[in-house]
Amino acid sequence: MKRYLGTADAVRRVATKGAVQCDANGNRMHDFHHHQCAVLSFYTYGPRIWIGYVSGMVQIIDLEGNLIAGRIVHNGPVIKLVVGNGPVYSLATHGSIRGWYISSPVPLDNILRPKLAKREHMYNTLETVKIMVGTWNVGQGKPCQEALISWVGLHASDVDILVVGFQEVELGVGFLAMLTAKETIGVEGISSGQWWQDAIGKAMGEGSAFERVGSKQFAAI
């Protein structure tokens, strides 16, 4: 894979075996290699570039290609790097997410790390969350309430998060064309979508056992 980053007077390319820095005319200026594995993702913010590798390694380099820091943050390939409200987050193929402050590493880290490690028991808690995910191609039909209860209702009490998806809720050509033109819309005002929201909410005990976080209806042709 190849990814490109443009700056005022140069283009830097991060490829599977390293990176190449070129001037505005495309002449190679610098070629650097800091890890033997393939690059799957990278993110730029200010004067730093975060690079995620298939080995689970994340490295930070400056705009000249100098290695600032690097460590194994996942036990699987790093497929996405983003910045959100201060921290940098990395996503691995198995779903693991790690985050750290965008200013790290700095000299202060070496001072804070041992102090925080001694107090880890005060702020670090481990929780187990059970998630149930299910999909159903309903073919524009509407099953009875007993069918929905047997599908999700009987298992709702055993999980903490429940995610369900339905295919072919609405198959009308005009309906699909309208939704596709808008790309995505909510189900408000759409009778079939609202029926499914109410039915699935009733089956899993919405309001008492569960709280709806969100819902969305999509369409494609």
N, C-alpha and C. Protein backbone atom coordinates (compact mmCIF):
# COMPACT_ATOMS: atom_id res chain seq x y z
N MET A 1 0.84 -1.19 0.00
CA MET A 1 0.00 0.00 0.00
C MET A 1 0.88 1.25 0.00
N LYS A 2 0.33 2.39 -0.48
CA LYS A 2 1.06 3.65 -0.49
C LYS A 2 0.16 4.74 0.03
N ARG A 3 0.72 5.59 0.86
CA ARG A 3 -0.02 6.72 1.35
C ARG A 3 0.84 7.97 1.16
N TYR A 4 0.21 9.12 0.94
CA TYR A 4 0.95 10.32 0.63
C TYR A 4 0.58 11.44 1.59
N LEU A 5 1.59 12.22 1.94
CA LEU A 5 1.39 13.37 2.81
C LEU A 5 2.02 14.58 2.15
N GLY A 6 1.28 15.62 1.90
CA GLY A 6 1.82 16.81 1.26
C GLY A 6 2.16 17.88 2.27
N THR A 7 3.29 18.56 2.08
CA THR A 7 3.67 19.70 2.89
C THR A 7 3.94 20.86 1.96
N ALA A 8 4.42 21.99 2.49
CA ALA A 8 4.60 23.18 1.67
C ALA A 8 5.61 22.97 0.56
N ASP A 9 6.67 22.22 0.82
CA ASP A 9 7.72 22.09 -0.18
C ASP A 9 8.16 20.66 -0.40
N ALA A 10 7.38 19.71 0.07
CA ALA A 10 7.84 18.32 -0.08
C ALA A 10 6.65 17.37 -0.05
N VAL A 11 6.89 16.17 -0.53
CA VAL A 11 5.92 15.08 -0.44
C VAL A 11 6.61 13.92 0.21
N ARG A 12 5.98 13.35 1.24
CA ARG A 12 6.56 12.20 1.92
C ARG A 12 5.68 11.01 1.66
N ARG A 13 6.27 9.90 1.30
CA ARG A 13 5.51 8.70 0.99
C ARG A 13 5.86 7.62 2.01
N VAL A 14 4.83 7.05 2.65
CA VAL A 14 5.03 5.94 3.56
C VAL A 14 4.57 4.69 2.84
N ALA A 15 5.47 3.77 2.58
CA ALA A 15 5.15 2.58 1.82
C ALA A 15 5.36 1.35 2.67
N THR A 16 5.25 0.17 2.08
CA THR A 16 5.26 -1.06 2.86
C THR A 16 6.60 -1.35 3.50
N LYS A 17 7.67 -0.82 3.00
CA LYS A 17 8.98 -1.16 3.56
C LYS A 17 9.75 0.06 4.06
N GLY A 18 9.12 1.18 4.14
CA GLY A 18 9.83 2.35 4.64
C GLY A 18 9.16 3.61 4.15
N ALA A 19 9.92 4.70 4.03
CA ALA A 19 9.35 5.96 3.58
C ALA A 19 10.36 6.69 2.72
N VAL A 20 9.86 7.48 1.79
CA VAL A 20 10.68 8.24 0.87
C VAL A 20 10.26 9.69 0.93
N GLN A 21 11.23 10.59 1.06
CA GLN A 21 10.95 12.02 1.07
C GLN A 21 11.43 12.62 -0.24
N CYS A 22 10.52 13.34 -0.92
CA CYS A 22 10.85 13.93 -2.21
C CYS A 22 10.60 15.43 -2.16
N ASP A 23 11.30 16.17 -3.04
CA ASP A 23 11.06 17.60 -3.12
C ASP A 23 9.86 17.87 -4.01
N ALA A 24 9.58 19.16 -4.28
CA ALA A 24 8.40 19.53 -5.04
C ALA A 24 8.46 19.04 -6.48
N ASN A 25 9.65 18.74 -6.97
CA ASN A 25 9.81 18.27 -8.33
C ASN A 25 9.83 16.74 -8.44
N GLY A 26 9.65 16.08 -7.31
CA GLY A 26 9.64 14.62 -7.32
C GLY A 26 11.00 13.98 -7.18
N ASN A 27 12.04 14.76 -6.92
CA ASN A 27 13.38 14.21 -6.72
C ASN A 27 13.52 13.63 -5.32
N ARG A 28 14.05 12.41 -5.23
CA ARG A 28 14.19 11.77 -3.94
C ARG A 28 15.23 12.51 -3.10
N MET A 29 14.86 12.87 -1.89
CA MET A 29 15.75 13.58 -0.98
C MET A 29 16.23 12.67 0.15
N HIS A 30 15.33 11.78 0.62
CA HIS A 30 15.69 10.97 1.78
C HIS A 30 14.86 9.70 1.78
N ASP A 31 15.45 8.60 2.18
CA ASP A 31 14.79 7.30 2.26
C ASP A 31 15.10 6.71 3.63
N PHE A 32 14.07 6.43 4.42
CA PHE A 32 14.34 5.95 5.77
C PHE A 32 13.50 4.72 6.10
N HIS A 33 14.09 3.84 6.89
CA HIS A 33 13.47 2.57 7.30
C HIS A 33 13.69 2.41 8.80
N HIS A 34 12.59 2.32 9.55
CA HIS A 34 12.69 2.18 11.01
C HIS A 34 12.10 0.86 11.51
N HIS A 35 11.49 0.08 10.62
CA HIS A 35 10.89 -1.17 11.05
C HIS A 35 10.79 -2.09 9.84
N GLN A 36 10.97 -3.38 10.07
CA GLN A 36 11.04 -4.32 8.95
C GLN A 36 9.68 -4.77 8.45
N CYS A 37 8.60 -4.42 9.14
CA CYS A 37 7.27 -4.90 8.76
C CYS A 37 6.51 -3.87 7.91
N ALA A 38 5.41 -4.33 7.33
CA ALA A 38 4.63 -3.48 6.43
C ALA A 38 3.85 -2.43 7.20
N VAL A 39 3.69 -1.26 6.58
CA VAL A 39 2.89 -0.17 7.13
C VAL A 39 1.43 -0.37 6.73
N LEU A 40 0.52 -0.26 7.71
CA LEU A 40 -0.91 -0.37 7.44
C LEU A 40 -1.66 0.94 7.65
N SER A 41 -1.10 1.84 8.46
CA SER A 41 -1.80 3.08 8.74
C SER A 41 -0.81 4.13 9.19
N PHE A 42 -1.18 5.39 8.99
CA PHE A 42 -0.39 6.46 9.58
C PHE A 42 -1.25 7.71 9.73
N TYR A 43 -0.81 8.60 10.62
CA TYR A 43 -1.57 9.81 10.91
C TYR A 43 -0.58 10.94 11.18
N THR A 44 -0.86 12.11 10.64
CA THR A 44 0.01 13.26 10.86
C THR A 44 -0.71 14.29 11.71
N TYR A 45 0.02 14.89 12.62
CA TYR A 45 -0.53 15.94 13.48
C TYR A 45 0.62 16.85 13.88
N GLY A 46 0.56 18.10 13.45
CA GLY A 46 1.65 19.01 13.76
C GLY A 46 2.95 18.52 13.15
N PRO A 47 4.04 18.52 13.93
CA PRO A 47 5.35 18.11 13.40
C PRO A 47 5.63 16.62 13.54
N ARG A 48 4.62 15.81 13.85
CA ARG A 48 4.85 14.39 14.08
C ARG A 48 4.00 13.51 13.16
N ILE A 49 4.51 12.33 12.88
CA ILE A 49 3.79 11.34 12.09
C ILE A 49 3.75 10.04 12.89
N TRP A 50 2.54 9.51 13.11
CA TRP A 50 2.37 8.22 13.77
C TRP A 50 2.20 7.15 12.70
N ILE A 51 2.92 6.05 12.82
CA ILE A 51 2.89 4.98 11.83
C ILE A 51 2.51 3.67 12.51
N GLY A 52 1.51 2.99 11.96
CA GLY A 52 1.08 1.70 12.50
C GLY A 52 1.49 0.57 11.57
N TYR A 53 2.06 -0.49 12.14
CA TYR A 53 2.60 -1.59 11.36
C TYR A 53 1.77 -2.87 11.54
N VAL A 54 1.99 -3.80 10.63
CA VAL A 54 1.30 -5.08 10.70
C VAL A 54 1.74 -5.88 11.91
N SER A 55 2.89 -5.58 12.47
CA SER A 55 3.40 -6.29 13.64
C SER A 55 2.77 -5.84 14.95
N GLY A 56 1.96 -4.76 14.93
CA GLY A 56 1.42 -4.19 16.15
C GLY A 56 2.23 -3.04 16.68
N MET A 57 3.34 -2.72 16.01
CA MET A 57 4.20 -1.61 16.41
C MET A 57 3.61 -0.28 15.96
N VAL A 58 3.73 0.73 16.82
CA VAL A 58 3.41 2.11 16.46
C VAL A 58 4.66 2.94 16.69
N GLN A 59 5.08 3.67 15.68
CA GLN A 59 6.25 4.53 15.78
C GLN A 59 5.85 5.98 15.55
N ILE A 60 6.63 6.88 16.15
CA ILE A 60 6.45 8.31 15.96
C ILE A 60 7.72 8.86 15.34
N ILE A 61 7.59 9.56 14.22
CA ILE A 61 8.74 10.19 13.58
C ILE A 61 8.44 11.66 13.36
N ASP A 62 9.50 12.45 13.19
CA ASP A 62 9.29 13.86 12.86
C ASP A 62 9.22 14.02 11.35
N LEU A 63 9.04 15.26 10.89
CA LEU A 63 8.87 15.50 9.46
C LEU A 63 10.14 15.28 8.66
N GLU A 64 11.26 15.11 9.33
CA GLU A 64 12.52 14.80 8.64
C GLU A 64 12.78 13.30 8.61
N GLY A 65 11.88 12.52 9.18
CA GLY A 65 12.06 11.07 9.16
C GLY A 65 12.81 10.51 10.34
N ASN A 66 13.16 11.35 11.33
CA ASN A 66 13.88 10.87 12.50
C ASN A 66 12.92 10.16 13.46
N LEU A 67 13.36 9.02 13.96
CA LEU A 67 12.53 8.24 14.88
C LEU A 67 12.52 8.89 16.26
N ILE A 68 11.32 9.20 16.76
CA ILE A 68 11.17 9.80 18.09
C ILE A 68 10.92 8.71 19.13
N ALA A 69 10.03 7.79 18.82
CA ALA A 69 9.70 6.72 19.76
C ALA A 69 9.00 5.61 19.00
N GLY A 70 8.94 4.45 19.63
CA GLY A 70 8.22 3.33 19.04
C GLY A 70 8.06 2.22 20.05
N ARG A 71 6.93 1.53 19.99
CA ARG A 71 6.69 0.41 20.88
C ARG A 71 5.58 -0.47 20.33
N ILE A 72 5.55 -1.70 20.78
CA ILE A 72 4.48 -2.62 20.43
C ILE A 72 3.27 -2.29 21.29
N VAL A 73 2.20 -1.86 20.65
CA VAL A 73 1.00 -1.46 21.40
C VAL A 73 -0.14 -2.46 21.22
N HIS A 74 -0.05 -3.33 20.22
CA HIS A 74 -1.08 -4.34 19.98
C HIS A 74 -0.42 -5.67 19.65
N ASN A 75 -1.14 -6.75 19.86
CA ASN A 75 -0.66 -8.06 19.45
C ASN A 75 -1.25 -8.46 18.11
N GLY A 76 -1.60 -7.45 17.30
CA GLY A 76 -2.14 -7.67 15.97
C GLY A 76 -1.88 -6.44 15.12
N PRO A 77 -2.15 -6.50 13.82
CA PRO A 77 -1.90 -5.38 12.91
C PRO A 77 -2.67 -4.12 13.31
N VAL A 78 -2.00 -2.96 13.19
CA VAL A 78 -2.60 -1.67 13.50
C VAL A 78 -3.19 -1.09 12.21
N ILE A 79 -4.52 -1.07 12.11
CA ILE A 79 -5.17 -0.71 10.85
C ILE A 79 -5.68 0.73 10.83
N LYS A 80 -5.67 1.42 11.98
CA LYS A 80 -6.20 2.78 11.99
C LYS A 80 -5.56 3.58 13.11
N LEU A 81 -5.24 4.84 12.83
CA LEU A 81 -4.72 5.78 13.81
C LEU A 81 -5.49 7.09 13.66
N VAL A 82 -6.00 7.62 14.78
CA VAL A 82 -6.76 8.86 14.76
C VAL A 82 -6.41 9.69 15.99
N VAL A 83 -6.70 10.99 15.91
CA VAL A 83 -6.55 11.90 17.05
C VAL A 83 -7.93 12.37 17.45
N GLY A 84 -8.22 12.28 18.74
CA GLY A 84 -9.53 12.71 19.22
C GLY A 84 -9.46 13.43 20.54
N ASN A 85 -9.66 14.75 20.51
CA ASN A 85 -9.74 15.55 21.74
C ASN A 85 -8.51 15.39 22.63
N GLY A 86 -7.34 15.36 22.00
CA GLY A 86 -6.10 15.28 22.78
C GLY A 86 -5.34 13.99 22.61
N PRO A 87 -5.94 12.84 22.93
CA PRO A 87 -5.20 11.58 22.79
C PRO A 87 -5.12 11.10 21.35
N VAL A 88 -4.14 10.22 21.11
CA VAL A 88 -4.03 9.48 19.86
C VAL A 88 -4.55 8.07 20.13
N TYR A 89 -5.38 7.55 19.23
CA TYR A 89 -5.94 6.21 19.39
C TYR A 89 -5.50 5.32 18.24
N SER A 90 -5.22 4.07 18.57
CA SER A 90 -4.87 3.08 17.55
C SER A 90 -5.87 1.93 17.62
N LEU A 91 -6.20 1.39 16.44
CA LEU A 91 -7.16 0.28 16.33
C LEU A 91 -6.48 -0.90 15.65
N ALA A 92 -6.59 -2.09 16.27
CA ALA A 92 -6.03 -3.31 15.70
C ALA A 92 -7.12 -4.11 15.00
N THR A 93 -6.72 -5.09 14.21
CA THR A 93 -7.69 -5.87 13.45
C THR A 93 -8.64 -6.65 14.34
N HIS A 94 -8.22 -7.02 15.55
CA HIS A 94 -9.09 -7.79 16.44
C HIS A 94 -10.00 -6.91 17.29
N GLY A 95 -9.97 -5.58 17.05
CA GLY A 95 -10.88 -4.67 17.73
C GLY A 95 -10.30 -3.95 18.92
N SER A 96 -9.08 -4.26 19.32
CA SER A 96 -8.47 -3.60 20.47
C SER A 96 -8.17 -2.14 20.14
N ILE A 97 -8.42 -1.27 21.11
CA ILE A 97 -8.15 0.16 20.96
C ILE A 97 -7.24 0.62 22.10
N ARG A 98 -6.18 1.33 21.75
CA ARG A 98 -5.27 1.90 22.74
C ARG A 98 -5.18 3.41 22.52
N GLY A 99 -4.97 4.14 23.60
CA GLY A 99 -4.86 5.59 23.49
C GLY A 99 -3.79 6.15 24.40
N TRP A 100 -3.17 7.25 23.98
CA TRP A 100 -2.17 7.94 24.79
C TRP A 100 -2.15 9.40 24.36
N TYR A 101 -1.61 10.27 25.24
CA TYR A 101 -1.63 11.69 24.96
C TYR A 101 -0.77 12.03 23.76
N ILE A 102 -1.26 12.99 22.97
CA ILE A 102 -0.60 13.32 21.73
C ILE A 102 0.78 13.93 21.95
N SER A 103 1.03 14.51 23.13
CA SER A 103 2.33 15.12 23.40
C SER A 103 3.40 14.11 23.77
N SER A 104 3.02 12.88 24.09
CA SER A 104 4.00 11.86 24.46
C SER A 104 4.74 11.38 23.21
N PRO A 105 6.02 11.00 23.35
CA PRO A 105 6.79 11.03 24.60
C PRO A 105 7.46 12.39 24.84
N VAL A 106 7.51 12.78 26.10
CA VAL A 106 8.23 13.98 26.53
C VAL A 106 9.02 13.60 27.78
N PRO A 107 10.05 14.38 28.16
CA PRO A 107 10.85 14.04 29.35
C PRO A 107 10.03 13.84 30.61
N LEU A 108 8.89 14.55 30.70
CA LEU A 108 8.05 14.43 31.90
C LEU A 108 7.48 13.03 32.05
N ASP A 109 7.35 12.29 30.94
CA ASP A 109 6.81 10.93 31.00
C ASP A 109 7.62 10.05 31.94
N ASN A 110 8.93 10.16 31.88
CA ASN A 110 9.80 9.32 32.72
C ASN A 110 9.64 9.63 34.20
N ILE A 111 9.19 10.83 34.51
CA ILE A 111 8.97 11.20 35.91
C ILE A 111 7.61 10.72 36.39
N LEU A 112 6.61 10.89 35.53
CA LEU A 112 5.24 10.54 35.91
C LEU A 112 4.98 9.04 35.90
N ARG A 113 5.64 8.30 34.98
CA ARG A 113 5.33 6.89 34.80
C ARG A 113 5.50 6.08 36.09
N PRO A 114 6.64 6.16 36.79
CA PRO A 114 6.77 5.35 38.02
C PRO A 114 5.82 5.78 39.13
N LYS A 115 5.50 7.08 39.19
CA LYS A 115 4.58 7.55 40.22
C LYS A 115 3.16 7.05 39.97
N LEU A 116 2.76 7.07 38.69
CA LEU A 116 1.43 6.58 38.35
C LEU A 116 1.34 5.07 38.52
N ALA A 117 2.42 4.36 38.23
CA ALA A 117 2.42 2.90 38.37
C ALA A 117 2.18 2.48 39.82
N LYS A 118 2.69 3.24 40.76
CA LYS A 118 2.48 2.92 42.17
C LYS A 118 1.04 3.13 42.60
N ARG A 119 0.33 3.99 41.88
CA ARG A 119 -1.06 4.31 42.24
C ARG A 119 -2.07 3.67 41.27
N GLU A 120 -1.60 2.71 40.50
CA GLU A 120 -2.47 2.12 39.48
C GLU A 120 -3.73 1.52 40.06
N HIS A 121 -3.62 0.93 41.25
CA HIS A 121 -4.79 0.29 41.85
C HIS A 121 -5.88 1.29 42.21
N MET A 122 -5.52 2.60 42.27
CA MET A 122 -6.49 3.60 42.67
C MET A 122 -7.38 4.05 41.50
N TYR A 123 -6.88 3.95 40.28
CA TYR A 123 -7.65 4.46 39.15
C TYR A 123 -7.89 3.43 38.04
N ASN A 124 -7.28 2.28 38.16
CA ASN A 124 -7.40 1.28 37.10
C ASN A 124 -8.34 0.15 37.53
N THR A 125 -9.44 0.00 36.83
CA THR A 125 -10.38 -1.07 37.14
C THR A 125 -10.59 -1.94 35.90
N LEU A 126 -10.87 -3.19 36.13
CA LEU A 126 -11.07 -4.15 35.04
C LEU A 126 -12.52 -4.60 35.06
N GLU A 127 -13.20 -4.46 33.92
CA GLU A 127 -14.59 -4.85 33.83
C GLU A 127 -14.79 -5.79 32.64
N THR A 128 -15.70 -6.72 32.79
CA THR A 128 -16.05 -7.63 31.71
C THR A 128 -17.43 -7.24 31.16
N VAL A 129 -17.48 -6.99 29.87
CA VAL A 129 -18.71 -6.57 29.22
C VAL A 129 -19.11 -7.62 28.20
N LYS A 130 -20.34 -8.07 28.29
CA LYS A 130 -20.86 -9.06 27.33
C LYS A 130 -21.65 -8.34 26.25
N ILE A 131 -21.34 -8.64 25.00
CA ILE A 131 -21.98 -8.00 23.86
C ILE A 131 -22.63 -9.06 22.97
N MET A 132 -23.86 -8.83 22.61
CA MET A 132 -24.56 -9.71 21.67
C MET A 132 -24.84 -8.94 20.39
N VAL A 133 -24.45 -9.51 19.25
CA VAL A 133 -24.65 -8.88 17.94
C VAL A 133 -25.42 -9.85 17.06
N GLY A 134 -26.48 -9.37 16.43
CA GLY A 134 -27.26 -10.23 15.56
C GLY A 134 -27.77 -9.49 14.34
N THR A 135 -27.94 -10.20 13.22
CA THR A 135 -28.51 -9.62 12.00
C THR A 135 -29.62 -10.53 11.50
N TRP A 136 -30.55 -9.94 10.76
CA TRP A 136 -31.70 -10.70 10.26
C TRP A 136 -32.15 -10.08 8.94
N ASN A 137 -32.16 -10.88 7.89
CA ASN A 137 -32.70 -10.45 6.61
C ASN A 137 -34.20 -10.75 6.63
N VAL A 138 -35.00 -9.72 6.83
CA VAL A 138 -36.42 -9.92 7.05
C VAL A 138 -37.23 -9.93 5.75
N GLY A 139 -36.60 -9.59 4.62
CA GLY A 139 -37.30 -9.64 3.35
C GLY A 139 -38.58 -8.83 3.31
N GLN A 140 -38.56 -7.67 3.92
CA GLN A 140 -39.70 -6.75 3.96
C GLN A 140 -40.87 -7.30 4.78
N GLY A 141 -40.62 -8.38 5.52
CA GLY A 141 -41.68 -8.94 6.35
C GLY A 141 -41.65 -8.40 7.76
N LYS A 142 -42.66 -8.77 8.52
CA LYS A 142 -42.77 -8.35 9.92
C LYS A 142 -43.14 -9.57 10.76
N PRO A 143 -42.16 -10.14 11.45
CA PRO A 143 -42.43 -11.35 12.23
C PRO A 143 -43.27 -11.04 13.46
N CYS A 144 -43.80 -12.09 14.05
CA CYS A 144 -44.60 -11.92 15.25
C CYS A 144 -43.70 -11.60 16.44
N GLN A 145 -44.31 -11.07 17.48
CA GLN A 145 -43.54 -10.66 18.66
C GLN A 145 -42.86 -11.85 19.32
N GLU A 146 -43.48 -13.02 19.27
CA GLU A 146 -42.88 -14.22 19.88
C GLU A 146 -41.57 -14.58 19.20
N ALA A 147 -41.47 -14.37 17.87
CA ALA A 147 -40.23 -14.67 17.15
C ALA A 147 -39.10 -13.74 17.59
N LEU A 148 -39.43 -12.47 17.79
CA LEU A 148 -38.42 -11.52 18.24
C LEU A 148 -37.97 -11.83 19.66
N ILE A 149 -38.89 -12.21 20.49
CA ILE A 149 -38.54 -12.55 21.87
C ILE A 149 -37.62 -13.76 21.91
N SER A 150 -37.91 -14.77 21.09
CA SER A 150 -37.06 -15.96 21.06
C SER A 150 -35.69 -15.66 20.50
N TRP A 151 -35.59 -14.62 19.65
CA TRP A 151 -34.31 -14.28 19.03
C TRP A 151 -33.43 -13.46 19.96
N VAL A 152 -33.96 -12.36 20.49
CA VAL A 152 -33.17 -11.48 21.35
C VAL A 152 -33.68 -11.39 22.78
N GLY A 153 -34.98 -11.51 22.94
CA GLY A 153 -35.55 -11.29 24.26
C GLY A 153 -35.08 -12.29 25.30
N LEU A 154 -34.94 -13.54 24.91
CA LEU A 154 -34.53 -14.58 25.85
C LEU A 154 -33.08 -14.45 26.28
N HIS A 155 -32.27 -13.75 25.48
CA HIS A 155 -30.85 -13.60 25.79
C HIS A 155 -30.50 -12.21 26.31
N ALA A 156 -31.48 -11.31 26.31
CA ALA A 156 -31.19 -9.93 26.67
C ALA A 156 -30.66 -9.79 28.09
N SER A 157 -31.17 -10.61 28.99
CA SER A 157 -30.75 -10.49 30.39
C SER A 157 -29.32 -10.97 30.62
N ASP A 158 -28.74 -11.67 29.64
CA ASP A 158 -27.40 -12.22 29.81
C ASP A 158 -26.30 -11.32 29.27
N VAL A 159 -26.66 -10.20 28.62
CA VAL A 159 -25.66 -9.35 27.99
C VAL A 159 -25.79 -7.92 28.51
N ASP A 160 -24.73 -7.14 28.28
CA ASP A 160 -24.71 -5.74 28.68
C ASP A 160 -25.00 -4.80 27.51
N ILE A 161 -24.56 -5.20 26.33
CA ILE A 161 -24.77 -4.39 25.13
C ILE A 161 -25.39 -5.29 24.05
N LEU A 162 -26.44 -4.80 23.44
CA LEU A 162 -27.13 -5.56 22.40
C LEU A 162 -27.17 -4.74 21.12
N VAL A 163 -26.66 -5.31 20.03
CA VAL A 163 -26.63 -4.64 18.73
C VAL A 163 -27.34 -5.53 17.72
N VAL A 164 -28.36 -5.00 17.08
CA VAL A 164 -29.10 -5.78 16.09
C VAL A 164 -29.19 -5.00 14.78
N GLY A 165 -29.18 -5.73 13.67
CA GLY A 165 -29.31 -5.12 12.35
C GLY A 165 -30.28 -5.92 11.50
N PHE A 166 -31.04 -5.21 10.67
CA PHE A 166 -32.03 -5.85 9.81
C PHE A 166 -31.78 -5.45 8.36
N GLN A 167 -31.86 -6.43 7.48
CA GLN A 167 -31.72 -6.17 6.06
C GLN A 167 -33.08 -6.27 5.37
N GLU A 168 -33.24 -5.49 4.29
CA GLU A 168 -34.44 -5.52 3.46
C GLU A 168 -35.70 -5.22 4.27
N VAL A 169 -35.58 -4.22 5.15
CA VAL A 169 -36.76 -3.74 5.88
C VAL A 169 -37.75 -3.11 4.91
N GLU A 170 -37.24 -2.42 3.91
CA GLU A 170 -38.07 -1.75 2.90
C GLU A 170 -37.43 -1.98 1.54
N LEU A 171 -38.22 -2.47 0.57
CA LEU A 171 -37.68 -2.82 -0.75
C LEU A 171 -38.30 -2.00 -1.88
N GLY A 172 -39.14 -1.04 -1.58
CA GLY A 172 -39.74 -0.24 -2.64
C GLY A 172 -38.70 0.53 -3.43
N VAL A 173 -38.81 0.54 -4.76
CA VAL A 173 -37.82 1.20 -5.60
C VAL A 173 -37.77 2.69 -5.32
N GLY A 174 -38.91 3.32 -5.23
CA GLY A 174 -38.95 4.76 -4.96
C GLY A 174 -38.35 5.09 -3.60
N PHE A 175 -38.67 4.25 -2.63
CA PHE A 175 -38.15 4.44 -1.27
C PHE A 175 -36.63 4.35 -1.26
N LEU A 176 -36.09 3.31 -1.91
CA LEU A 176 -34.64 3.12 -1.95
C LEU A 176 -33.95 4.26 -2.70
N ALA A 177 -34.54 4.70 -3.79
CA ALA A 177 -33.94 5.80 -4.55
C ALA A 177 -33.88 7.07 -3.72
N MET A 178 -34.94 7.34 -2.97
CA MET A 178 -34.97 8.53 -2.14
C MET A 178 -33.92 8.47 -1.05
N LEU A 179 -33.81 7.31 -0.39
CA LEU A 179 -32.83 7.17 0.67
C LEU A 179 -31.40 7.21 0.14
N THR A 180 -31.18 6.58 -1.00
CA THR A 180 -29.84 6.58 -1.57
C THR A 180 -29.41 7.98 -1.95
N ALA A 181 -30.33 8.76 -2.45
CA ALA A 181 -30.00 10.14 -2.81
C ALA A 181 -29.57 10.94 -1.60
N LYS A 182 -30.17 10.64 -0.46
CA LYS A 182 -29.81 11.33 0.78
C LYS A 182 -28.69 10.62 1.53
N GLU A 183 -28.25 9.47 1.02
CA GLU A 183 -27.22 8.61 1.59
C GLU A 183 -27.70 7.90 2.84
N THR A 184 -28.02 8.62 3.90
CA THR A 184 -28.56 7.99 5.11
C THR A 184 -29.54 8.96 5.76
N ILE A 185 -30.57 8.42 6.35
CA ILE A 185 -31.49 9.25 7.13
C ILE A 185 -31.95 8.45 8.34
N GLY A 186 -32.53 9.13 9.29
CA GLY A 186 -33.09 8.45 10.44
C GLY A 186 -34.42 7.81 10.06
N VAL A 187 -34.94 7.00 10.97
CA VAL A 187 -36.17 6.28 10.66
C VAL A 187 -37.42 7.08 11.02
N GLU A 188 -37.25 8.28 11.60
CA GLU A 188 -38.41 9.05 11.98
C GLU A 188 -39.28 9.31 10.76
N GLY A 189 -40.56 9.02 10.88
CA GLY A 189 -41.48 9.25 9.78
C GLY A 189 -41.58 8.11 8.80
N ILE A 190 -40.79 7.06 8.95
CA ILE A 190 -40.84 5.90 8.08
C ILE A 190 -41.52 4.78 8.85
N SER A 191 -42.68 4.36 8.39
CA SER A 191 -43.50 3.45 9.17
C SER A 191 -42.82 2.12 9.43
N SER A 192 -42.16 1.54 8.41
CA SER A 192 -41.53 0.24 8.59
C SER A 192 -40.38 0.31 9.58
N GLY A 193 -39.57 1.35 9.46
CA GLY A 193 -38.46 1.51 10.39
C GLY A 193 -38.91 1.73 11.81
N GLN A 194 -39.97 2.54 11.97
CA GLN A 194 -40.50 2.80 13.30
C GLN A 194 -41.11 1.54 13.90
N TRP A 195 -41.76 0.73 13.05
CA TRP A 195 -42.33 -0.52 13.55
C TRP A 195 -41.25 -1.43 14.12
N TRP A 196 -40.11 -1.54 13.41
CA TRP A 196 -39.03 -2.39 13.88
C TRP A 196 -38.40 -1.85 15.17
N GLN A 197 -38.28 -0.55 15.28
CA GLN A 197 -37.76 0.04 16.52
C GLN A 197 -38.65 -0.32 17.70
N ASP A 198 -39.95 -0.15 17.52
CA ASP A 198 -40.89 -0.44 18.61
C ASP A 198 -40.90 -1.93 18.94
N ALA A 199 -40.88 -2.77 17.90
CA ALA A 199 -40.97 -4.21 18.13
C ALA A 199 -39.74 -4.76 18.83
N ILE A 200 -38.57 -4.36 18.39
CA ILE A 200 -37.34 -4.87 19.00
C ILE A 200 -37.17 -4.30 20.40
N GLY A 201 -37.61 -3.05 20.60
CA GLY A 201 -37.54 -2.46 21.94
C GLY A 201 -38.43 -3.20 22.92
N LYS A 202 -39.61 -3.58 22.47
CA LYS A 202 -40.54 -4.34 23.32
C LYS A 202 -39.99 -5.73 23.64
N ALA A 203 -39.37 -6.35 22.63
CA ALA A 203 -38.86 -7.72 22.82
C ALA A 203 -37.72 -7.78 23.82
N MET A 204 -36.89 -6.74 23.88
CA MET A 204 -35.73 -6.81 24.78
C MET A 204 -35.93 -5.99 26.05
N GLY A 205 -37.11 -5.45 26.24
CA GLY A 205 -37.40 -4.75 27.48
C GLY A 205 -36.84 -3.35 27.54
N GLU A 206 -37.00 -2.61 26.45
CA GLU A 206 -36.48 -1.24 26.43
C GLU A 206 -37.21 -0.38 27.45
N GLY A 207 -36.42 0.43 28.16
CA GLY A 207 -36.99 1.28 29.19
C GLY A 207 -36.84 0.71 30.58
N SER A 208 -36.75 -0.62 30.67
CA SER A 208 -36.56 -1.25 31.98
C SER A 208 -35.23 -1.99 32.05
N ALA A 209 -35.01 -2.91 31.09
CA ALA A 209 -33.75 -3.66 31.09
C ALA A 209 -32.69 -2.99 30.22
N PHE A 210 -33.12 -2.30 29.18
CA PHE A 210 -32.19 -1.69 28.23
C PHE A 210 -32.58 -0.25 27.94
N GLU A 211 -31.57 0.54 27.55
CA GLU A 211 -31.79 1.90 27.08
C GLU A 211 -31.25 2.02 25.67
N ARG A 212 -32.05 2.54 24.76
CA ARG A 212 -31.61 2.68 23.37
C ARG A 212 -30.57 3.78 23.25
N VAL A 213 -29.42 3.45 22.71
CA VAL A 213 -28.35 4.43 22.51
C VAL A 213 -28.53 5.15 21.18
N GLY A 214 -28.94 4.42 20.15
CA GLY A 214 -29.12 5.06 18.86
C GLY A 214 -29.61 4.07 17.83
N SER A 215 -30.09 4.59 16.72
CA SER A 215 -30.53 3.74 15.61
C SER A 215 -30.43 4.54 14.33
N LYS A 216 -30.28 3.84 13.21
CA LYS A 216 -30.12 4.50 11.92
C LYS A 216 -30.59 3.56 10.83
N GLN A 217 -31.22 4.12 9.81
CA GLN A 217 -31.65 3.31 8.67
C GLN A 217 -30.85 3.74 7.45
N PHE A 218 -30.28 2.75 6.75
CA PHE A 218 -29.47 3.00 5.57
C PHE A 218 -30.14 2.38 4.35
N ALA A 219 -29.70 2.80 3.19
CA ALA A 219 -30.23 2.23 1.96
C ALA A 219 -29.17 2.27 0.89
N ALA A 220 -29.23 1.32 -0.04
CA ALA A 220 -28.29 1.29 -1.15
C ALA A 220 -28.94 0.56 -2.31
N ILE A 221 -28.52 0.94 -3.50
CA ILE A 221 -29.00 0.28 -4.71
C ILE A 221 -27.79 -0.31 -5.42
